Amino acid sequence: MDAQHINSDREDKLPLLFLCHRIPYPPNKGDKIRSFHLLHHLSQHFDIHLATFVDDSADRPYISNVKKHCKSSLYVDLIPWQATLRSLKGLVTGEPLSIPYYTSIRMKTWVKATVAENNIRHVIVYSSAMAQFIPQGEFNFTRKIIDFVDVDSDKWQQYAGQKPWPLSWLYKRESDKLLKLERTLSQQFDSGLFVSSAEADMFRALSPETADKIGFYNNGVNIEYFDPERDCSNPYLDGVPTIVFTGAMDYWPNVDAVVWFVYQVLPHLLAESPQLQFYIVGGNPDKKVQRLSAEVGVVVTGRVEDIRPYIQHALLAVAPIRVARGVQNKVLEAMAMEKPVLVSSKGLEGIDAVHGEQLLIADEVGEYISLVQQILRGDFSTMGSKARNYVAENFNWDENLPEVVFLLNQSAGQVSLQDEPLS
């Protein structure tokens, strides 16, 4: 079922078309955290006309939370298994599979009518797959911004290296097709934004012809919400040291991370500390994740209403990510809650924190074992406060998001991001 909303009781502002591949609420996973804060901030400066997909029925009750920020909005249901079948059309058309995955005649019609009716001349596209709803030359926009978030093509390249044939071939194909699309879109849009300086630098190397259009703005953390002084009930057994991993548990890099940790690291930790528990906290756990609950010391919670108690009362948080692009919000949130965080080198991208000062870096099994044992002994007792201060100083939505408003209000060709990238 499609839903749309019109709210005319707002002061006059410039209209802005906002296209987003997933409803930006609740902000409980990386892309939705970023898209929600972007929507919220832009709504203070523009009349937002939002078109988005709802790919999880559990998100439908939150439509009212999104409508509050919009002048008008459209929500199109996307059933993942049907979209996956539809995506195979890309093998025939030569497109990336993600384009037919997100196709919608309903959305295309709504966008065209809404742009015409509201004389919209500004647009922001969140994720490359949504650019299909403003085909080149069809609309006369004054300013077009695309938030790629991360270099999606490289993520699929990493997937290809982890999967057996024929998935390795399919993922390599998707990587190649997406990179071609990303380069084309970076030419067509006035500015292309990424989640970190590392992502922006990587894309400039992949698309040197558009390097002057590429910038970034850091994610933020709601430091008041992730407050370690908040009195949260302890979800764990009293006196039992607990390691926590948080994240969407149907996302393959997260699945890969916890499976690796449970089978490669946890048995060694339990041999030294039999009471230790590993909690996997996040919605829609994959079957591989569900099976981990049968392992000694492992608890899989599924979706929880509030992740803060799980972070606050844990001994430490881990992020043993082996395939990654962009910034890991789970790392920033745990740091904001003053927890020691044990993160892989790949999971650290975009977070310029110092090992041993604000967080701990581990890649090999032995490194994880040694560092967890040190934390169990009480080492790194001052790390939490240093971590929170680092996040507060470097990942602040109020400081980062005004740059996007600035870009949307510029005349085409006026801004170069190469020498002074967004930060």
Protein backbone atom coordinates (compact mmCIF):
# COMPACT_ATOMS: atom_id res chain seq x y z
CA MET A 1 0.00 0.00 0.00
CA ASP A 2 1.27 3.48 -0.90
CA ALA A 3 0.70 6.44 1.36
CA GLN A 4 1.09 10.14 0.81
CA HIS A 5 0.79 13.20 3.00
CA ILE A 6 0.22 16.89 2.50
CA ASN A 7 0.84 19.44 5.26
CA SER A 8 0.22 23.01 4.15
CA ASP A 9 0.43 24.67 7.58
CA ARG A 10 4.07 25.77 7.31
CA GLU A 11 5.87 29.05 6.74
CA ASP A 12 7.02 29.68 3.18
CA LYS A 13 10.42 28.28 2.32
CA LEU A 14 12.09 27.16 -0.86
CA PRO A 15 10.70 23.78 -1.90
CA LEU A 16 13.17 20.88 -1.89
CA LEU A 17 12.72 17.43 -3.39
CA PHE A 18 14.26 14.79 -1.12
CA LEU A 19 14.59 11.27 -2.55
CA CYS A 20 15.60 8.54 -0.12
CA HIS A 21 15.87 4.78 -0.69
CA ARG A 22 14.60 3.86 2.80
CA ILE A 23 12.24 5.67 5.16
CA PRO A 24 14.51 7.79 7.38
CA TYR A 25 12.97 6.63 10.65
CA PRO A 26 13.52 5.18 13.14
CA PRO A 27 17.20 6.17 13.12
CA ASN A 28 18.33 2.72 14.26
CA LYS A 29 20.84 1.80 11.55
CA GLY A 30 23.66 3.62 9.82
CA ASP A 31 21.97 4.91 6.65
CA LYS A 32 18.76 5.87 8.49
CA ILE A 33 20.63 7.74 11.21
CA ARG A 34 22.30 9.89 8.57
CA SER A 35 19.19 10.35 6.41
CA PHE A 36 16.97 11.26 9.37
CA HIS A 37 19.32 13.93 10.70
CA LEU A 38 19.77 15.27 7.18
CA LEU A 39 15.97 15.43 6.71
CA HIS A 40 15.45 17.04 10.10
CA HIS A 41 18.06 19.72 9.48
CA LEU A 42 17.00 20.52 5.93
CA SER A 43 13.36 20.84 7.01
CA GLN A 44 14.36 23.90 9.02
CA HIS A 45 15.49 25.63 5.82
CA PHE A 46 13.30 24.16 3.06
CA ASP A 47 9.81 22.84 2.47
CA ILE A 48 10.59 19.15 2.06
CA HIS A 49 8.81 17.02 -0.53
CA LEU A 50 9.94 13.51 0.34
CA ALA A 51 9.63 10.31 -1.68
CA THR A 52 10.89 7.14 -0.02
CA PHE A 53 10.48 3.38 0.21
CA VAL A 54 9.38 1.35 3.22
CA ASP A 55 11.13 -2.01 3.10
CA ASP A 56 10.24 -3.19 6.60
CA SER A 57 6.64 -3.36 7.82
CA ALA A 58 7.88 -2.59 11.33
CA ASP A 59 8.79 0.90 10.09
CA ARG A 60 5.28 1.81 8.91
CA PRO A 61 4.08 3.04 12.31
CA TYR A 62 6.84 5.65 12.19
CA ILE A 63 5.54 7.38 9.06
CA SER A 64 3.91 10.02 11.27
CA ASN A 65 7.34 10.84 12.74
CA VAL A 66 8.63 11.58 9.24
CA LYS A 67 5.59 13.54 8.09
CA LYS A 68 6.25 16.18 10.74
CA HIS A 69 9.30 17.27 8.78
CA CYS A 70 7.67 17.36 5.34
CA LYS A 71 5.46 19.62 3.28
CA SER A 72 4.40 16.56 1.31
CA SER A 73 5.55 12.97 1.25
CA LEU A 74 5.11 9.63 -0.46
CA TYR A 75 5.82 6.21 1.06
CA VAL A 76 5.98 3.22 -1.28
CA ASP A 77 6.08 -0.28 0.17
CA LEU A 78 8.99 -2.39 -1.04
CA ILE A 79 8.87 -6.13 -0.41
CA PRO A 80 12.51 -7.30 -0.41
CA TRP A 81 12.01 -10.73 -2.01
CA GLN A 82 9.91 -9.23 -4.80
CA ALA A 83 12.44 -6.45 -5.32
CA THR A 84 15.25 -9.01 -5.48
CA LEU A 85 13.45 -10.87 -8.27
CA ARG A 86 12.76 -7.58 -10.05
CA SER A 87 16.43 -6.63 -9.78
CA LEU A 88 17.40 -9.53 -12.06
CA LYS A 89 16.07 -7.42 -14.92
CA GLY A 90 19.38 -5.58 -14.68
CA LEU A 91 21.14 -8.63 -16.11
CA VAL A 92 19.19 -8.02 -19.32
CA THR A 93 19.32 -4.23 -19.41
CA GLY A 94 22.96 -3.96 -18.36
CA GLU A 95 22.11 -1.82 -15.33
CA PRO A 96 23.31 -2.31 -11.76
CA LEU A 97 20.84 -4.66 -10.08
CA SER A 98 20.01 -1.98 -7.51
CA ILE A 99 18.28 0.16 -10.15
CA PRO A 100 15.37 -2.21 -10.96
CA TYR A 101 15.37 -3.21 -7.28
CA TYR A 102 14.14 0.29 -6.44
CA THR A 103 12.08 1.00 -9.53
CA SER A 104 8.54 2.33 -9.01
CA ILE A 105 6.12 3.79 -11.56
CA ARG A 106 4.12 5.23 -8.67
CA MET A 107 7.13 7.13 -7.35
CA LYS A 108 8.19 8.35 -10.79
CA THR A 109 4.70 9.73 -11.44
CA TRP A 110 4.53 11.37 -8.00
CA VAL A 111 7.93 13.03 -8.39
CA LYS A 112 7.08 14.45 -11.80
CA ALA A 113 3.74 15.85 -10.61
CA THR A 114 5.14 17.20 -7.33
CA VAL A 115 8.03 18.99 -9.01
CA ALA A 116 5.66 20.65 -11.48
CA GLU A 117 2.98 21.57 -8.93
CA ASN A 118 5.41 23.09 -6.46
CA ASN A 119 7.89 24.59 -8.95
CA ILE A 120 10.72 22.70 -7.24
CA ARG A 121 14.20 23.77 -8.34
CA HIS A 122 16.32 22.12 -5.65
CA VAL A 123 16.82 18.41 -5.10
CA ILE A 124 18.86 16.18 -2.84
CA VAL A 125 19.21 12.48 -3.66
CA TYR A 126 20.18 10.09 -0.89
CA SER A 127 21.79 6.97 -2.45
CA SER A 128 22.63 6.54 -6.10
CA ALA A 129 19.67 4.21 -6.83
CA MET A 130 17.24 7.10 -6.26
CA ALA A 131 18.71 9.24 -9.04
CA GLN A 132 16.63 7.24 -11.54
CA PHE A 133 13.59 9.30 -10.51
CA ILE A 134 15.10 12.52 -11.89
CA PRO A 135 16.44 11.43 -15.28
CA GLN A 136 18.92 13.75 -16.94
CA GLY A 137 17.26 16.59 -18.81
CA GLU A 138 13.70 15.93 -17.65
CA PHE A 139 13.64 18.59 -14.92
CA ASN A 140 15.03 22.11 -14.82
CA PHE A 141 16.70 22.05 -11.40
CA THR A 142 18.82 24.97 -10.20
CA ARG A 143 20.78 22.85 -7.75
CA LYS A 144 21.22 19.06 -7.54
CA ILE A 145 23.09 17.40 -4.70
CA ILE A 146 23.66 13.66 -4.29
CA ASP A 147 24.68 12.04 -1.03
CA PHE A 148 26.36 8.81 -2.09
CA VAL A 149 27.09 8.13 1.62
CA ASP A 150 29.85 5.64 0.79
CA VAL A 151 31.54 4.22 -2.28
CA ASP A 152 28.99 1.49 -2.78
CA SER A 153 30.82 -0.01 -5.73
CA ASP A 154 33.85 -0.76 -3.56
CA LYS A 155 31.67 -2.50 -0.98
CA TRP A 156 30.40 -4.88 -3.65
CA GLN A 157 33.99 -5.39 -4.77
CA GLN A 158 34.79 -6.51 -1.22
CA TYR A 159 31.76 -8.80 -1.20
CA ALA A 160 32.99 -10.41 -4.41
CA GLY A 161 36.27 -11.27 -2.74
CA GLN A 162 34.46 -13.01 0.13
CA LYS A 163 31.93 -15.08 -1.81
CA PRO A 164 32.21 -18.26 -3.90
CA TRP A 165 31.26 -18.41 -7.58
CA PRO A 166 28.71 -17.54 -8.99
CA LEU A 167 28.05 -14.90 -6.31
CA SER A 168 31.61 -13.64 -6.71
CA TRP A 169 30.93 -13.03 -10.42
CA LEU A 170 27.56 -11.38 -9.71
CA TYR A 171 28.98 -9.09 -7.04
CA LYS A 172 31.95 -8.16 -9.23
CA ARG A 173 29.51 -7.27 -11.99
CA GLU A 174 27.49 -5.12 -9.57
CA SER A 175 30.66 -3.36 -8.45
CA ASP A 176 31.66 -2.52 -12.03
CA LYS A 177 28.18 -1.33 -13.00
CA LEU A 178 27.78 0.76 -9.85
CA LEU A 179 31.12 2.46 -10.33
CA LYS A 180 30.12 3.43 -13.86
CA LEU A 181 26.81 4.80 -12.49
CA GLU A 182 28.53 6.65 -9.64
CA ARG A 183 30.93 8.33 -12.05
CA THR A 184 28.08 9.33 -14.37
CA LEU A 185 26.02 10.76 -11.53
CA SER A 186 28.96 12.72 -10.16
CA GLN A 187 29.12 14.44 -13.56
CA GLN A 188 25.38 15.13 -13.69
CA PHE A 189 25.03 16.52 -10.15
CA ASP A 190 26.45 19.79 -8.87
CA SER A 191 28.00 18.14 -5.81
CA GLY A 192 28.57 14.58 -4.64
CA LEU A 193 28.92 13.98 -0.91
CA PHE A 194 30.32 11.12 1.15
CA VAL A 195 30.36 10.12 4.79
CA SER A 196 34.06 10.67 5.45
CA SER A 197 37.21 12.17 4.00
CA ALA A 198 38.47 8.64 3.29
CA GLU A 199 35.39 7.85 1.18
CA ALA A 200 35.67 11.15 -0.67
CA ASP A 201 39.39 10.61 -1.36
CA MET A 202 38.74 7.10 -2.66
CA PHE A 203 36.07 8.34 -5.05
CA ARG A 204 38.23 11.21 -6.28
CA ALA A 205 40.83 8.60 -7.24
CA LEU A 206 38.16 6.51 -9.01
CA SER A 207 36.60 9.52 -10.75
CA PRO A 208 39.35 12.14 -11.20
CA GLU A 209 37.33 14.01 -13.82
CA THR A 210 34.80 15.04 -11.14
CA ALA A 211 37.20 15.44 -8.20
CA ASP A 212 36.37 19.15 -7.83
CA LYS A 213 32.71 18.30 -7.18
CA ILE A 214 33.33 15.76 -4.44
CA GLY A 215 33.12 16.50 -0.72
CA PHE A 216 32.00 14.97 2.55
CA TYR A 217 30.27 15.74 5.81
CA ASN A 218 30.81 13.62 8.87
CA ASN A 219 28.04 11.77 10.60
CA GLY A 220 27.03 12.97 14.03
CA VAL A 221 26.04 11.44 17.33
CA ASN A 222 23.27 12.76 19.56
CA ILE A 223 25.51 13.17 22.57
CA GLU A 224 22.58 13.99 24.86
CA TYR A 225 20.73 10.83 23.85
CA PHE A 226 23.78 8.59 24.22
CA ASP A 227 24.46 9.80 27.75
CA PRO A 228 26.39 7.41 30.01
CA GLU A 229 24.92 9.11 33.08
CA ARG A 230 21.38 8.12 32.11
CA ASP A 231 19.95 5.53 34.52
CA CYS A 232 19.17 2.54 32.30
CA SER A 233 18.04 -0.81 33.67
CA ASN A 234 20.64 -3.54 33.38
CA PRO A 235 19.55 -6.09 30.72
CA TYR A 236 22.33 -8.50 31.70
CA LEU A 237 22.80 -10.94 34.57
CA ASP A 238 24.30 -9.18 37.58
CA GLY A 239 28.02 -9.60 37.87
CA VAL A 240 28.41 -11.28 34.49
CA PRO A 241 30.97 -9.52 32.23
CA THR A 242 29.36 -8.90 28.85
CA ILE A 243 30.68 -7.98 25.42
CA VAL A 244 28.15 -6.35 23.07
CA PHE A 245 27.82 -5.99 19.31
CA THR A 246 25.06 -3.70 18.01
CA GLY A 247 23.74 -3.32 14.47
CA ALA A 248 21.24 -4.43 11.86
CA MET A 249 21.68 -8.19 11.88
CA ASP A 250 20.40 -8.82 8.37
CA TYR A 251 23.29 -6.73 6.98
CA TRP A 252 25.92 -9.12 5.65
CA PRO A 253 29.05 -7.34 6.98
CA ASN A 254 27.51 -7.43 10.47
CA VAL A 255 26.59 -11.09 10.07
CA ASP A 256 30.10 -11.90 8.91
CA ALA A 257 31.60 -9.99 11.85
CA VAL A 258 29.68 -11.74 14.63
CA VAL A 259 30.02 -15.21 13.07
CA TRP A 260 33.78 -14.72 12.84
CA PHE A 261 33.99 -13.43 16.42
CA VAL A 262 31.91 -16.25 17.89
CA TYR A 263 33.84 -19.05 16.20
CA GLN A 264 37.34 -17.57 16.13
CA VAL A 265 37.66 -15.39 19.24
CA LEU A 266 34.98 -16.22 21.80
CA PRO A 267 36.10 -19.81 22.60
CA HIS A 268 39.53 -18.52 23.64
CA LEU A 269 37.96 -15.86 25.85
CA LEU A 270 35.62 -18.39 27.49
CA ALA A 271 38.54 -20.68 28.26
CA GLU A 272 39.95 -17.92 30.48
CA SER A 273 36.65 -16.38 31.64
CA PRO A 274 33.85 -19.01 31.52
CA GLN A 275 31.21 -16.55 32.78
CA LEU A 276 31.76 -14.12 29.90
CA GLN A 277 28.76 -13.47 27.64
CA PHE A 278 28.56 -12.09 24.11
CA TYR A 279 25.33 -10.25 23.27
CA ILE A 280 24.35 -9.64 19.64
CA VAL A 281 21.83 -6.79 19.69
CA GLY A 282 19.97 -5.79 16.54
CA GLY A 283 16.88 -6.37 14.44
CA ASN A 284 16.11 -9.01 11.82
CA PRO A 285 18.87 -11.48 12.71
CA ASP A 286 19.94 -13.59 9.75
CA LYS A 287 19.62 -17.38 10.08
CA LYS A 288 23.37 -17.62 10.55
CA VAL A 289 23.09 -15.19 13.45
CA GLN A 290 20.10 -17.00 14.95
CA ARG A 291 22.10 -20.23 14.99
CA LEU A 292 24.80 -18.54 17.08
CA SER A 293 22.39 -18.45 20.05
CA ALA A 294 23.05 -22.20 20.45
CA GLU A 295 26.73 -21.49 21.15
CA VAL A 296 28.00 -21.24 24.72
CA GLY A 297 28.00 -17.68 26.01
CA VAL A 298 26.08 -16.17 23.09
CA VAL A 299 22.75 -14.32 23.32
CA VAL A 300 20.93 -13.03 20.22
CA THR A 301 18.30 -10.46 21.21
CA GLY A 302 16.69 -9.49 17.92
CA ARG A 303 15.18 -5.98 17.70
CA VAL A 304 15.19 -4.02 20.96
CA GLU A 305 13.38 -0.78 21.76
CA ASP A 306 16.48 0.91 23.13
CA ILE A 307 20.11 -0.12 22.60
CA ARG A 308 21.48 2.24 25.23
CA PRO A 309 21.05 -0.13 28.22
CA TYR A 310 22.93 -2.82 26.31
CA ILE A 311 25.82 -0.47 25.65
CA GLN A 312 25.82 1.18 29.07
CA HIS A 313 25.99 -2.04 31.08
CA ALA A 314 28.40 -3.93 28.83
CA LEU A 315 32.04 -4.36 29.76
CA LEU A 316 33.01 -3.34 26.24
CA ALA A 317 31.67 -3.08 22.69
CA VAL A 318 33.24 -4.84 19.71
CA ALA A 319 33.09 -4.12 15.99
CA PRO A 320 35.17 -6.84 14.28
CA ILE A 321 34.11 -5.67 10.83
CA ARG A 322 35.92 -7.42 7.95
CA VAL A 323 34.00 -5.81 5.04
CA ALA A 324 33.22 -2.13 5.41
CA ARG A 325 32.60 1.18 3.72
CA GLY A 326 31.83 4.41 5.50
CA VAL A 327 31.64 5.26 9.20
CA GLN A 328 30.48 2.69 11.75
CA ASN A 329 27.86 4.43 13.87
CA LYS A 330 27.94 1.54 16.34
CA VAL A 331 31.51 2.53 17.18
CA LEU A 332 30.68 6.22 17.69
CA GLU A 333 27.62 5.45 19.82
CA ALA A 334 29.57 3.14 22.14
CA MET A 335 32.33 5.73 22.42
CA ALA A 336 29.73 8.36 23.31
CA MET A 337 28.50 6.04 26.07
CA GLU A 338 32.06 5.94 27.45
CA LYS A 339 32.60 2.27 26.64
CA PRO A 340 35.92 0.78 25.61
CA VAL A 341 35.46 -0.14 21.95
CA LEU A 342 37.46 -2.87 20.23
CA VAL A 343 37.29 -2.25 16.47
CA SER A 344 38.96 -3.64 13.36
CA SER A 345 41.04 -1.47 11.08
CA LYS A 346 38.31 -1.65 8.42
CA GLY A 347 35.67 -0.60 10.95
CA LEU A 348 37.72 2.46 11.88
CA GLU A 349 37.38 4.27 8.54
CA GLY A 350 36.39 7.89 9.00
CA ILE A 351 37.16 7.81 12.72
CA ASP A 352 40.56 9.36 13.32
CA ALA A 353 40.84 8.19 16.93
CA VAL A 354 44.07 6.99 18.53
CA HIS A 355 44.60 3.37 19.52
CA GLY A 356 45.06 3.09 23.25
CA GLU A 357 43.65 6.58 23.85
CA GLN A 358 40.04 6.77 22.63
CA LEU A 359 39.57 3.18 21.40
CA LEU A 360 41.36 -0.08 20.71
CA ILE A 361 42.21 -1.58 17.31
CA ALA A 362 42.45 -5.32 16.66
CA ASP A 363 42.51 -7.42 13.52
CA GLU A 364 44.02 -10.75 14.52
CA VAL A 365 42.49 -13.26 16.93
CA GLY A 366 45.37 -12.88 19.35
CA GLU A 367 44.94 -9.10 19.45
CA TYR A 368 41.26 -9.40 20.38
CA ILE A 369 42.04 -11.95 23.09
CA SER A 370 44.85 -9.88 24.62
CA LEU A 371 42.89 -6.61 24.65
CA VAL A 372 39.71 -8.15 26.09
CA GLN A 373 41.75 -9.75 28.85
CA GLN A 374 43.35 -6.38 29.61
CA ILE A 375 39.91 -4.77 29.88
CA LEU A 376 38.79 -7.58 32.18
CA ARG A 377 41.76 -6.76 34.40
CA GLY A 378 40.67 -3.13 34.60
CA ASP A 379 43.07 -1.58 32.12
CA PHE A 380 42.05 1.45 30.00
CA SER A 381 39.89 2.81 32.82
CA THR A 382 40.11 6.40 31.53
CA MET A 383 39.43 5.54 27.92
CA GLY A 384 35.66 6.05 28.12
CA SER A 385 35.74 9.74 28.98
CA LYS A 386 38.38 10.43 26.31
CA ALA A 387 36.25 8.57 23.75
CA ARG A 388 33.14 10.60 24.57
CA ASN A 389 35.05 13.87 24.33
CA TYR A 390 36.44 12.84 20.93
CA VAL A 391 32.96 12.07 19.58
CA ALA A 392 31.50 15.32 20.97
CA GLU A 393 34.23 17.36 19.29
CA ASN A 394 34.30 15.63 15.90
CA PHE A 395 30.85 14.17 15.20
CA ASN A 396 28.32 16.92 15.77
CA TRP A 397 25.29 17.13 13.48
CA ASP A 398 24.75 20.85 14.23
CA GLU A 399 28.23 21.66 12.97
CA ASN A 400 28.33 19.31 9.97
CA LEU A 401 24.88 19.62 8.36
CA PRO A 402 24.85 23.41 7.69
CA GLU A 403 27.39 22.69 4.94
CA VAL A 404 24.71 20.80 2.99
CA VAL A 405 22.35 23.79 3.23
CA PHE A 406 25.19 25.99 2.01
CA LEU A 407 25.73 23.77 -1.04
CA LEU A 408 22.03 23.69 -1.90
CA ASN A 409 21.88 27.47 -1.86
CA GLN A 410 24.87 28.02 -4.15
CA SER A 411 24.75 28.85 -7.82
CA ALA A 412 25.89 26.02 -10.08
CA GLY A 413 29.64 25.91 -10.48
CA GLN A 414 30.28 28.32 -7.61
CA VAL A 415 31.65 25.82 -5.08
CA SER A 416 34.77 23.67 -5.30
CA LEU A 417 35.12 20.99 -2.65
CA GLN A 418 38.48 19.59 -3.65
CA ASP A 419 40.67 21.98 -1.70
CA GLU A 420 38.27 22.59 1.18
CA PRO A 421 36.21 19.43 1.62
CA LEU A 422 33.25 19.42 3.97
CA SER A 423 34.16 18.33 7.46
